[in-house]
């Protein structure tokens, strides 16, 4: 998958929120992200990211391990992205910390 984000200037946030509320039910999720790199910082230097994300929301708790490769399109900032759900977030952190 290649991640692409759409960004827009919003002159009336209230109007946008009203329109969104008319189209979908709002939900609140809290994200906790932990990023990992090698001791030499080589992932950051290569424009790559390795992240463990824990999401708390109305459907409970979920954890996702994500690797983002270098940007393929500078204009949009699009990056190839690979992710998978993780059963035990603490074990995922321990594994990545163990790698150094």
PDB file of N, CA and C in Angstrom:
ATOM      1  N   UNK A   1       0.850  -1.164   0.000  1.00  0.00           N
ATOM      2  CA  UNK A   1       0.000   0.000   0.000  1.00  0.00           C
ATOM      3  C   UNK A   1       0.897   1.229   0.000  1.00  0.00           C
ATOM      4  N   UNK A   2       0.486   2.265  -0.703  1.00  0.00           N
ATOM      5  CA  UNK A   2       1.184   3.545  -0.655  1.00  0.00           C
ATOM      6  C   UNK A   2       0.267   4.547   0.016  1.00  0.00           C
ATOM      7  N   UNK A   3       0.769   5.105   1.098  1.00  0.00           N
ATOM      8  CA  UNK A   3      -0.006   6.088   1.845  1.00  0.00           C
ATOM      9  C   UNK A   3       0.023   7.418   1.100  1.00  0.00           C
ATOM     10  N   UNK A   4      -1.136   8.038   0.976  1.00  0.00           N
ATOM     11  CA  UNK A   4      -1.238   9.373   0.395  1.00  0.00           C
ATOM     12  C   UNK A   4      -2.199  10.173   1.253  1.00  0.00           C
ATOM     13  N   UNK A   5      -1.802  11.370   1.592  1.00  0.00           N
ATOM     14  CA  UNK A   5      -2.651  12.220   2.419  1.00  0.00           C
ATOM     15  C   UNK A   5      -3.121  13.411   1.605  1.00  0.00           C
ATOM     16  N   UNK A   6      -4.359  13.765   1.801  1.00  0.00           N
ATOM     17  CA  UNK A   6      -4.932  14.932   1.157  1.00  0.00           C
ATOM     18  C   UNK A   6      -4.968  16.051   2.178  1.00  0.00           C
ATOM     19  N   UNK A   7      -4.406  17.183   1.811  1.00  0.00           N
ATOM     20  CA  UNK A   7      -4.401  18.330   2.710  1.00  0.00           C
ATOM     21  C   UNK A   7      -5.114  19.480   2.025  1.00  0.00           C
ATOM     22  N   UNK A   8      -5.878  20.228   2.805  1.00  0.00           N
ATOM     23  CA  UNK A   8      -6.620  21.353   2.244  1.00  0.00           C
ATOM     24  C   UNK A   8      -6.714  22.472   3.269  1.00  0.00           C
ATOM     25  N   UNK A   9      -6.736  23.684   2.776  1.00  0.00           N
ATOM     26  CA  UNK A   9      -6.979  24.829   3.661  1.00  0.00           C
ATOM     27  C   UNK A   9      -8.479  24.893   3.936  1.00  0.00           C
ATOM     28  N   UNK A  10      -8.815  25.042   5.188  1.00  0.00           N
ATOM     29  CA  UNK A  10     -10.216  25.105   5.588  1.00  0.00           C
ATOM     30  C   UNK A  10     -10.469  26.488   6.165  1.00  0.00           C
ATOM     31  N   UNK A  11     -11.353  27.221   5.520  1.00  0.00           N
ATOM     32  CA  UNK A  11     -11.645  28.581   5.968  1.00  0.00           C
ATOM     33  C   UNK A  11     -12.752  28.616   7.012  1.00  0.00           C
ATOM     34  N   UNK A  12     -13.571  27.564   7.030  1.00  0.00           N
ATOM     35  CA  UNK A  12     -14.661  27.505   7.998  1.00  0.00           C
ATOM     36  C   UNK A  12     -14.701  26.105   8.613  1.00  0.00           C
ATOM     37  N   UNK A  13     -13.875  25.855   9.630  1.00  0.00           N
ATOM     38  CA  UNK A  13     -13.860  24.526  10.245  1.00  0.00           C
ATOM     39  C   UNK A  13     -15.226  24.086  10.766  1.00  0.00           C
ATOM     40  N   UNK A  14     -16.005  25.037  11.268  1.00  0.00           N
ATOM     41  CA  UNK A  14     -17.329  24.702  11.803  1.00  0.00           C
ATOM     42  C   UNK A  14     -18.231  24.140  10.708  1.00  0.00           C
ATOM     43  N   UNK A  15     -18.187  24.743   9.526  1.00  0.00           N
ATOM     44  CA  UNK A  15     -19.017  24.265   8.413  1.00  0.00           C
ATOM     45  C   UNK A  15     -18.581  22.864   7.984  1.00  0.00           C
ATOM     46  N   UNK A  16     -17.292  22.634   7.952  1.00  0.00           N
ATOM     47  CA  UNK A  16     -16.788  21.312   7.581  1.00  0.00           C
ATOM     48  C   UNK A  16     -17.233  20.278   8.608  1.00  0.00           C
ATOM     49  N   UNK A  17     -17.125  20.615   9.887  1.00  0.00           N
ATOM     50  CA  UNK A  17     -17.551  19.690  10.942  1.00  0.00           C
ATOM     51  C   UNK A  17     -19.044  19.382  10.832  1.00  0.00           C
ATOM     52  N   UNK A  18     -19.854  20.382  10.542  1.00  0.00           N
ATOM     53  CA  UNK A  18     -21.297  20.148  10.375  1.00  0.00           C
ATOM     54  C   UNK A  18     -21.554  19.171   9.231  1.00  0.00           C
ATOM     55  N   UNK A  19     -20.872  19.383   8.115  1.00  0.00           N
ATOM     56  CA  UNK A  19     -21.064  18.493   6.967  1.00  0.00           C
ATOM     57  C   UNK A  19     -20.598  17.071   7.278  1.00  0.00           C
ATOM     58  N   UNK A  20     -19.492  16.950   7.980  1.00  0.00           N
ATOM     59  CA  UNK A  20     -19.023  15.615   8.361  1.00  0.00           C
ATOM     60  C   UNK A  20     -20.011  14.936   9.304  1.00  0.00           C
ATOM     61  N   UNK A  21     -20.533  15.689  10.265  1.00  0.00           N
ATOM     62  CA  UNK A  21     -21.513  15.137  11.207  1.00  0.00           C
ATOM     63  C   UNK A  21     -22.768  14.642  10.497  1.00  0.00           C
ATOM     64  N   UNK A  22     -23.148  15.296   9.399  1.00  0.00           N
ATOM     65  CA  UNK A  22     -24.321  14.880   8.635  1.00  0.00           C
ATOM     66  C   UNK A  22     -24.071  13.564   7.884  1.00  0.00           C
ATOM     67  N   UNK A  23     -22.827  13.266   7.604  1.00  0.00           N
ATOM     68  CA  UNK A  23     -22.495  12.110   6.773  1.00  0.00           C
ATOM     69  C   UNK A  23     -22.026  10.884   7.549  1.00  0.00           C
ATOM     70  N   UNK A  24     -21.526  11.101   8.752  1.00  0.00           N
ATOM     71  CA  UNK A  24     -20.967   9.970   9.500  1.00  0.00           C
ATOM     72  C   UNK A  24     -21.028  10.242  10.994  1.00  0.00           C
ATOM     73  N   UNK A  25     -21.071   9.160  11.757  1.00  0.00           N
ATOM     74  CA  UNK A  25     -21.063   9.271  13.211  1.00  0.00           C
ATOM     75  C   UNK A  25     -19.631   9.510  13.687  1.00  0.00           C
ATOM     76  N   UNK A  26     -19.467  10.473  14.552  1.00  0.00           N
ATOM     77  CA  UNK A  26     -18.134  10.790  15.077  1.00  0.00           C
ATOM     78  C   UNK A  26     -17.669   9.696  16.031  1.00  0.00           C
ATOM     79  N   UNK A  27     -16.358   9.504  16.083  1.00  0.00           N
ATOM     80  CA  UNK A  27     -15.777   8.589  17.062  1.00  0.00           C
ATOM     81  C   UNK A  27     -14.468   9.207  17.550  1.00  0.00           C
ATOM     82  N   UNK A  28     -14.156   8.908  18.758  1.00  0.00           N
ATOM     83  CA  UNK A  28     -12.926   9.427  19.343  1.00  0.00           C
ATOM     84  C   UNK A  28     -11.963   8.269  19.532  1.00  0.00           C
ATOM     85  N   UNK A  29     -10.756   8.442  19.020  1.00  0.00           N
ATOM     86  CA  UNK A  29      -9.698   7.456  19.194  1.00  0.00           C
ATOM     87  C   UNK A  29      -8.451   8.178  19.689  1.00  0.00           C
ATOM     88  N   UNK A  30      -7.729   7.519  20.578  1.00  0.00           N
ATOM     89  CA  UNK A  30      -6.481   8.070  21.103  1.00  0.00           C
ATOM     90  C   UNK A  30      -5.344   7.198  20.586  1.00  0.00           C
ATOM     91  N   UNK A  31      -4.393   7.833  19.917  1.00  0.00           N
ATOM     92  CA  UNK A  31      -3.254   7.132  19.336  1.00  0.00           C
ATOM     93  C   UNK A  31      -2.025   7.327  20.217  1.00  0.00           C
ATOM     94  N   UNK A  32      -1.314   6.235  20.459  1.00  0.00           N
ATOM     95  CA  UNK A  32      -0.017   6.309  21.131  1.00  0.00           C
ATOM     96  C   UNK A  32       1.000   5.675  20.192  1.00  0.00           C
ATOM     97  N   UNK A  33       1.921   6.495  19.688  1.00  0.00           N
ATOM     98  CA  UNK A  33       2.916   6.035  18.725  1.00  0.00           C
ATOM     99  C   UNK A  33       4.295   5.972  19.362  1.00  0.00           C
ATOM    100  N   UNK A  34       5.011   4.900  19.064  1.00  0.00           N
ATOM    101  CA  UNK A  34       6.415   4.771  19.445  1.00  0.00           C
ATOM    102  C   UNK A  34       7.189   4.458  18.176  1.00  0.00           C
ATOM    103  N   UNK A  35       8.176   5.305  17.873  1.00  0.00           N
ATOM    104  CA  UNK A  35       9.006   5.119  16.685  1.00  0.00           C
ATOM    105  C   UNK A  35      10.347   4.517  17.081  1.00  0.00           C
ATOM    106  N   UNK A  36      10.861   3.641  16.218  1.00  0.00           N
ATOM    107  CA  UNK A  36      12.131   2.969  16.464  1.00  0.00           C
ATOM    108  C   UNK A  36      13.093   3.274  15.329  1.00  0.00           C
ATOM    109  N   UNK A  37      14.380   3.293  15.676  1.00  0.00           N
ATOM    110  CA  UNK A  37      15.435   3.470  14.688  1.00  0.00           C
ATOM    111  C   UNK A  37      16.647   2.679  15.155  1.00  0.00           C
ATOM    112  N   UNK A  38      17.570   2.475  14.278  1.00  0.00           N
ATOM    113  CA  UNK A  38      18.833   1.837  14.641  1.00  0.00           C
ATOM    114  C   UNK A  38      19.681   2.851  15.407  1.00  0.00           C
ATOM    115  N   UNK A  39      20.655   2.377  16.185  1.00  0.00           N
ATOM    116  CA  UNK A  39      21.495   3.310  16.951  1.00  0.00           C
ATOM    117  C   UNK A  39      22.172   4.372  16.084  1.00  0.00           C
ATOM    118  N   UNK A  40      22.462   4.043  14.826  1.00  0.00           N
ATOM    119  CA  UNK A  40      23.125   5.014  13.946  1.00  0.00           C
ATOM    120  C   UNK A  40      22.144   5.946  13.240  1.00  0.00           C
ATOM    121  N   UNK A  41      20.841   5.802  13.533  1.00  0.00           N
ATOM    122  CA  UNK A  41      19.831   6.673  12.926  1.00  0.00           C
ATOM    123  C   UNK A  41      19.614   6.412  11.448  1.00  0.00           C
ATOM    124  N   UNK A  42      19.977   5.227  10.986  1.00  0.00           N
ATOM    125  CA  UNK A  42      19.930   4.949   9.551  1.00  0.00           C
ATOM    126  C   UNK A  42      18.519   4.904   8.968  1.00  0.00           C
ATOM    127  N   UNK A  43      17.524   4.560   9.767  1.00  0.00           N
ATOM    128  CA  UNK A  43      16.154   4.591   9.227  1.00  0.00           C
ATOM    129  C   UNK A  43      15.750   6.024   8.910  1.00  0.00           C
ATOM    130  N   UNK A  44      15.980   6.924   9.848  1.00  0.00           N
ATOM    131  CA  UNK A  44      15.633   8.329   9.608  1.00  0.00           C
ATOM    132  C   UNK A  44      16.417   8.889   8.426  1.00  0.00           C
ATOM    133  N   UNK A  45      17.698   8.573   8.351  1.00  0.00           N
ATOM    134  CA  UNK A  45      18.533   9.057   7.243  1.00  0.00           C
ATOM    135  C   UNK A  45      18.015   8.556   5.900  1.00  0.00           C
ATOM    136  N   UNK A  46      17.426   7.363   5.886  1.00  0.00           N
ATOM    137  CA  UNK A  46      16.890   6.774   4.652  1.00  0.00           C
ATOM    138  C   UNK A  46      15.430   7.155   4.426  1.00  0.00           C
ATOM    139  N   UNK A  47      14.892   8.058   5.256  1.00  0.00           N
ATOM    140  CA  UNK A  47      13.489   8.499   5.153  1.00  0.00           C
ATOM    141  C   UNK A  47      12.527   7.330   5.373  1.00  0.00           C
ATOM    142  N   UNK A  48      12.908   6.420   6.269  1.00  0.00           N
ATOM    143  CA  UNK A  48      12.069   5.273   6.601  1.00  0.00           C
ATOM    144  C   UNK A  48      11.584   5.405   8.044  1.00  0.00           C
ATOM    145  N   UNK A  49      10.463   4.737   8.342  1.00  0.00           N
ATOM    146  CA  UNK A  49       9.891   4.787   9.686  1.00  0.00           C
ATOM    147  C   UNK A  49       9.468   3.393  10.123  1.00  0.00           C
ATOM    148  N   UNK A  50       9.710   3.099  11.389  1.00  0.00           N
ATOM    149  CA  UNK A  50       9.251   1.854  12.004  1.00  0.00           C
ATOM    150  C   UNK A  50       8.503   2.246  13.268  1.00  0.00           C
ATOM    151  N   UNK A  51       7.222   1.888  13.323  1.00  0.00           N
ATOM    152  CA  UNK A  51       6.362   2.402  14.384  1.00  0.00           C
ATOM    153  C   UNK A  51       5.494   1.301  14.969  1.00  0.00           C
ATOM    154  N   UNK A  52       5.268   1.397  16.279  1.00  0.00           N
ATOM    155  CA  UNK A  52       4.231   0.620  16.951  1.00  0.00           C
ATOM    156  C   UNK A  52       3.173   1.623  17.379  1.00  0.00           C
ATOM    157  N   UNK A  53       1.947   1.424  16.916  1.00  0.00           N
ATOM    158  CA  UNK A  53       0.837   2.333  17.240  1.00  0.00           C
ATOM    159  C   UNK A  53      -0.220   1.562  18.014  1.00  0.00           C
ATOM    160  N   UNK A  54      -0.583   2.098  19.171  1.00  0.00           N
ATOM    161  CA  UNK A  54      -1.688   1.549  19.950  1.00  0.00           C
ATOM    162  C   UNK A  54      -2.842   2.537  19.868  1.00  0.00           C
ATOM    163  N   UNK A  55      -4.019   2.029  19.526  1.00  0.00           N
ATOM    164  CA  UNK A  55      -5.205   2.864  19.351  1.00  0.00           C
ATOM    165  C   UNK A  55      -6.253   2.443  20.366  1.00  0.00           C
ATOM    166  N   UNK A  56      -6.707   3.411  21.149  1.00  0.00           N
ATOM    167  CA  UNK A  56      -7.805   3.180  22.094  1.00  0.00           C
ATOM    168  C   UNK A  56      -9.031   3.895  21.547  1.00  0.00           C
ATOM    169  N   UNK A  57     -10.112   3.124  21.384  1.00  0.00           N
ATOM    170  CA  UNK A  57     -11.320   3.709  20.826  1.00  0.00           C
ATOM    171  C   UNK A  57     -12.551   2.987  21.309  1.00  0.00           C
ATOM    172  N   UNK A  58     -13.695   3.320  20.714  1.00  0.00           N
ATOM    173  CA  UNK A  58     -14.958   2.719  21.145  1.00  0.00           C
ATOM    174  C   UNK A  58     -15.003   1.207  20.937  1.00  0.00           C
ATOM    175  N   UNK A  59     -14.177   0.696  20.035  1.00  0.00           N
ATOM    176  CA  UNK A  59     -14.142  -0.748  19.783  1.00  0.00           C
ATOM    177  C   UNK A  59     -13.038  -1.446  20.561  1.00  0.00           C
ATOM    178  N   UNK A  60     -12.462  -0.761  21.537  1.00  0.00           N
ATOM    179  CA  UNK A  60     -11.423  -1.377  22.355  1.00  0.00           C
ATOM    180  C   UNK A  60     -10.038  -0.910  21.979  1.00  0.00           C
ATOM    181  N   UNK A  61      -9.093  -1.804  22.193  1.00  0.00           N
ATOM    182  CA  UNK A  61      -7.675  -1.507  22.015  1.00  0.00           C
ATOM    183  C   UNK A  61      -7.127  -2.330  20.861  1.00  0.00           C
ATOM    184  N   UNK A  62      -6.335  -1.702  19.990  1.00  0.00           N
ATOM    185  CA  UNK A  62      -5.661  -2.446  18.930  1.00  0.00           C
ATOM    186  C   UNK A  62      -4.255  -1.878  18.757  1.00  0.00           C
ATOM    187  N   UNK A  63      -3.344  -2.740  18.348  1.00  0.00           N
ATOM    188  CA  UNK A  63      -1.959  -2.340  18.144  1.00  0.00           C
ATOM    189  C   UNK A  63      -1.535  -2.744  16.742  1.00  0.00           C
ATOM    190  N   UNK A  64      -0.818  -1.839  16.073  1.00  0.00           N
ATOM    191  CA  UNK A  64      -0.399  -2.059  14.692  1.00  0.00           C
ATOM    192  C   UNK A  64       1.095  -1.765  14.570  1.00  0.00           C
ATOM    193  N   UNK A  65       1.816  -2.672  13.927  1.00  0.00           N
ATOM    194  CA  UNK A  65       3.226  -2.476  13.606  1.00  0.00           C
ATOM    195  C   UNK A  65       3.294  -1.990  12.164  1.00  0.00           C
ATOM    196  N   UNK A  66       3.992  -0.871  11.935  1.00  0.00           N
ATOM    197  CA  UNK A  66       4.040  -0.261  10.608  1.00  0.00           C
ATOM    198  C   UNK A  66       5.477   0.038  10.201  1.00  0.00           C
ATOM    199  N   UNK A  67       5.798  -0.285   8.952  1.00  0.00           N
ATOM    200  CA  UNK A  67       7.051   0.145   8.336  1.00  0.00           C
ATOM    201  C   UNK A  67       6.695   1.017   7.149  1.00  0.00           C
ATOM    202  N   UNK A  68       7.255   2.230   7.109  1.00  0.00           N
ATOM    203  CA  UNK A  68       7.062   3.130   5.975  1.00  0.00           C
ATOM    204  C   UNK A  68       8.401   3.290   5.276  1.00  0.00           C
ATOM    205  N   UNK A  69       8.400   3.007   3.976  1.00  0.00           N
ATOM    206  CA  UNK A  69       9.622   3.136   3.191  1.00  0.00           C
ATOM    207  C   UNK A  69       9.807   4.594   2.779  1.00  0.00           C
ATOM    208  N   UNK A  70      10.864   4.874   2.065  1.00  0.00           N
ATOM    209  CA  UNK A  70      11.176   6.243   1.662  1.00  0.00           C
ATOM    210  C   UNK A  70      10.078   6.823   0.772  1.00  0.00           C
ATOM    211  N   UNK A  71       9.956   8.126   0.817  1.00  0.00           N
ATOM    212  CA  UNK A  71       8.971   8.856   0.021  1.00  0.00           C
ATOM    213  C   UNK A  71       9.173   8.566  -1.464  1.00  0.00           C
ATOM    214  N   UNK A  72       8.059   8.283  -2.163  1.00  0.00           N
ATOM    215  CA  UNK A  72       8.128   8.025  -3.604  1.00  0.00           C
ATOM    216  C   UNK A  72       7.634   9.208  -4.421  1.00  0.00           C
ATOM    217  N   UNK A  73       6.968  10.154  -3.758  1.00  0.00           N
ATOM    218  CA  UNK A  73       6.471  11.344  -4.445  1.00  0.00           C
ATOM    219  C   UNK A  73       6.625  12.527  -3.495  1.00  0.00           C
ATOM    220  N   UNK A  74       7.562  13.400  -3.797  1.00  0.00           N
ATOM    221  CA  UNK A  74       7.848  14.528  -2.909  1.00  0.00           C
ATOM    222  C   UNK A  74       6.652  15.472  -2.767  1.00  0.00           C
ATOM    223  N   UNK A  75       5.898  15.679  -3.835  1.00  0.00           N
ATOM    224  CA  UNK A  75       4.784  16.629  -3.787  1.00  0.00           C
ATOM    225  C   UNK A  75       3.724  16.212  -2.776  1.00  0.00           C
ATOM    226  N   UNK A  76       3.398  14.922  -2.747  1.00  0.00           N
ATOM    227  CA  UNK A  76       2.351  14.451  -1.837  1.00  0.00           C
ATOM    228  C   UNK A  76       2.917  13.843  -0.563  1.00  0.00           C
ATOM    229  N   UNK A  77       4.208  13.516  -0.567  1.00  0.00           N
ATOM    230  CA  UNK A  77       4.806  12.848   0.589  1.00  0.00           C
ATOM    231  C   UNK A  77       4.414  11.384   0.686  1.00  0.00           C
ATOM    232  N   UNK A  78       3.915  10.824  -0.410  1.00  0.00           N
ATOM    233  CA  UNK A  78       3.446   9.432  -0.409  1.00  0.00           C
ATOM    234  C   UNK A  78       4.594   8.466  -0.153  1.00  0.00           C
ATOM    235  N   UNK A  79       4.306   7.461   0.687  1.00  0.00           N
ATOM    236  CA  UNK A  79       5.299   6.450   1.054  1.00  0.00           C
ATOM    237  C   UNK A  79       4.684   5.061   0.953  1.00  0.00           C
ATOM    238  N   UNK A  80       5.448   4.073   0.448  1.00  0.00           N
ATOM    239  CA  UNK A  80       4.982   2.688   0.556  1.00  0.00           C
ATOM    240  C   UNK A  80       4.895   2.315   2.037  1.00  0.00           C
ATOM    241  N   UNK A  81       3.810   1.665   2.402  1.00  0.00           N
ATOM    242  CA  UNK A  81       3.557   1.374   3.816  1.00  0.00           C
ATOM    243  C   UNK A  81       3.152  -0.087   3.973  1.00  0.00           C
ATOM    244  N   UNK A  82       3.729  -0.735   4.974  1.00  0.00           N
ATOM    245  CA  UNK A  82       3.412  -2.129   5.285  1.00  0.00           C
ATOM    246  C   UNK A  82       3.030  -2.189   6.752  1.00  0.00           C
ATOM    247  N   UNK A  83       1.883  -2.792   7.037  1.00  0.00           N
ATOM    248  CA  UNK A  83       1.485  -2.873   8.443  1.00  0.00           C
ATOM    249  C   UNK A  83       0.732  -4.157   8.731  1.00  0.00           C
ATOM    250  N   UNK A  84       0.778  -4.523  10.014  1.00  0.00           N
ATOM    251  CA  UNK A  84       0.079  -5.714  10.476  1.00  0.00           C
ATOM    252  C   UNK A  84      -0.352  -5.498  11.921  1.00  0.00           C
ATOM    253  N   UNK A  85      -1.439  -6.122  12.277  1.00  0.00           N
ATOM    254  CA  UNK A  85      -1.898  -6.039  13.671  1.00  0.00           C
ATOM    255  C   UNK A  85      -0.984  -6.860  14.554  1.00  0.00           C
ATOM    256  N   UNK A  86      -0.846  -6.400  15.787  1.00  0.00           N
ATOM    257  CA  UNK A  86       0.001  -7.055  16.777  1.00  0.00           C
ATOM    258  C   UNK A  86      -0.884  -7.473  17.939  1.00  0.00           C
ATOM    259  N   UNK A  87      -0.754  -8.709  18.365  1.00  0.00           N
ATOM    260  CA  UNK A  87      -1.573  -9.229  19.462  1.00  0.00           C
ATOM    261  C   UNK A  87      -1.165  -8.639  20.802  1.00  0.00           C
ATOM    262  N   UNK A  88       0.137  -8.510  21.052  1.00  0.00           N
ATOM    263  CA  UNK A  88       0.639  -8.080  22.360  1.00  0.00           C
ATOM    264  C   UNK A  88       1.605  -6.914  22.162  1.00  0.00           C
ATOM    265  N   UNK A  89       1.163  -5.713  22.473  1.00  0.00           N
ATOM    266  CA  UNK A  89       1.984  -4.525  22.223  1.00  0.00           C
ATOM    267  C   UNK A  89       3.270  -4.529  23.031  1.00  0.00           C
ATOM    268  N   UNK A  90       3.220  -5.009  24.261  1.00  0.00           N
ATOM    269  CA  UNK A  90       4.428  -5.022  25.090  1.00  0.00           C
ATOM    270  C   UNK A  90       5.491  -5.947  24.496  1.00  0.00           C
ATOM    271  N   UNK A  91       5.069  -7.074  23.963  1.00  0.00           N
ATOM    272  CA  UNK A  91       6.016  -7.990  23.327  1.00  0.00           C
ATOM    273  C   UNK A  91       6.598  -7.378  22.054  1.00  0.00           C
ATOM    274  N   UNK A  92       5.778  -6.665  21.299  1.00  0.00           N
ATOM    275  CA  UNK A  92       6.283  -5.996  20.094  1.00  0.00           C
ATOM    276  C   UNK A  92       7.365  -4.988  20.466  1.00  0.00           C
ATOM    277  N   UNK A  93       7.115  -4.201  21.513  1.00  0.00           N
ATOM    278  CA  UNK A  93       8.124  -3.235  21.967  1.00  0.00           C
ATOM    279  C   UNK A  93       9.389  -3.962  22.417  1.00  0.00           C
ATOM    280  N   UNK A  94       9.237  -5.051  23.154  1.00  0.00           N
ATOM    281  CA  UNK A  94      10.398  -5.799  23.648  1.00  0.00           C
ATOM    282  C   UNK A  94      11.225  -6.363  22.492  1.00  0.00           C
ATOM    283  N   UNK A  95      10.562  -6.870  21.472  1.00  0.00           N
ATOM    284  CA  UNK A  95      11.265  -7.412  20.307  1.00  0.00           C
ATOM    285  C   UNK A  95      12.074  -6.319  19.623  1.00  0.00           C
ATOM    286  N   UNK A  96      11.438  -5.183  19.369  1.00  0.00           N
ATOM    287  CA  UNK A  96      12.127  -4.102  18.667  1.00  0.00           C
ATOM    288  C   UNK A  96      13.263  -3.518  19.503  1.00  0.00           C
ATOM    289  N   UNK A  97      13.055  -3.394  20.799  1.00  0.00           N
ATOM    290  CA  UNK A  97      14.128  -2.903  21.667  1.00  0.00           C
ATOM    291  C   UNK A  97      15.279  -3.900  21.704  1.00  0.00           C
ATOM    292  N   UNK A  98      14.960  -5.180  21.667  1.00  0.00           N
ATOM    293  CA  UNK A  98      15.988  -6.212  21.671  1.00  0.00           C
ATOM    294  C   UNK A  98      16.860  -6.201  20.427  1.00  0.00           C
ATOM    295  N   UNK A  99      16.312  -5.682  19.335  1.00  0.00           N
ATOM    296  CA  UNK A  99      17.088  -5.598  18.098  1.00  0.00           C
ATOM    297  C   UNK A  99      18.132  -4.488  18.146  1.00  0.00           C
ATOM    298  N   UNK A 100      17.998  -3.587  19.131  1.00  0.00           N
ATOM    299  CA  UNK A 100      18.981  -2.509  19.270  1.00  0.00           C
ATOM    300  C   UNK A 100      18.506  -1.298  18.575  1.00  0.00           C
TER     301      UNK A 100
END
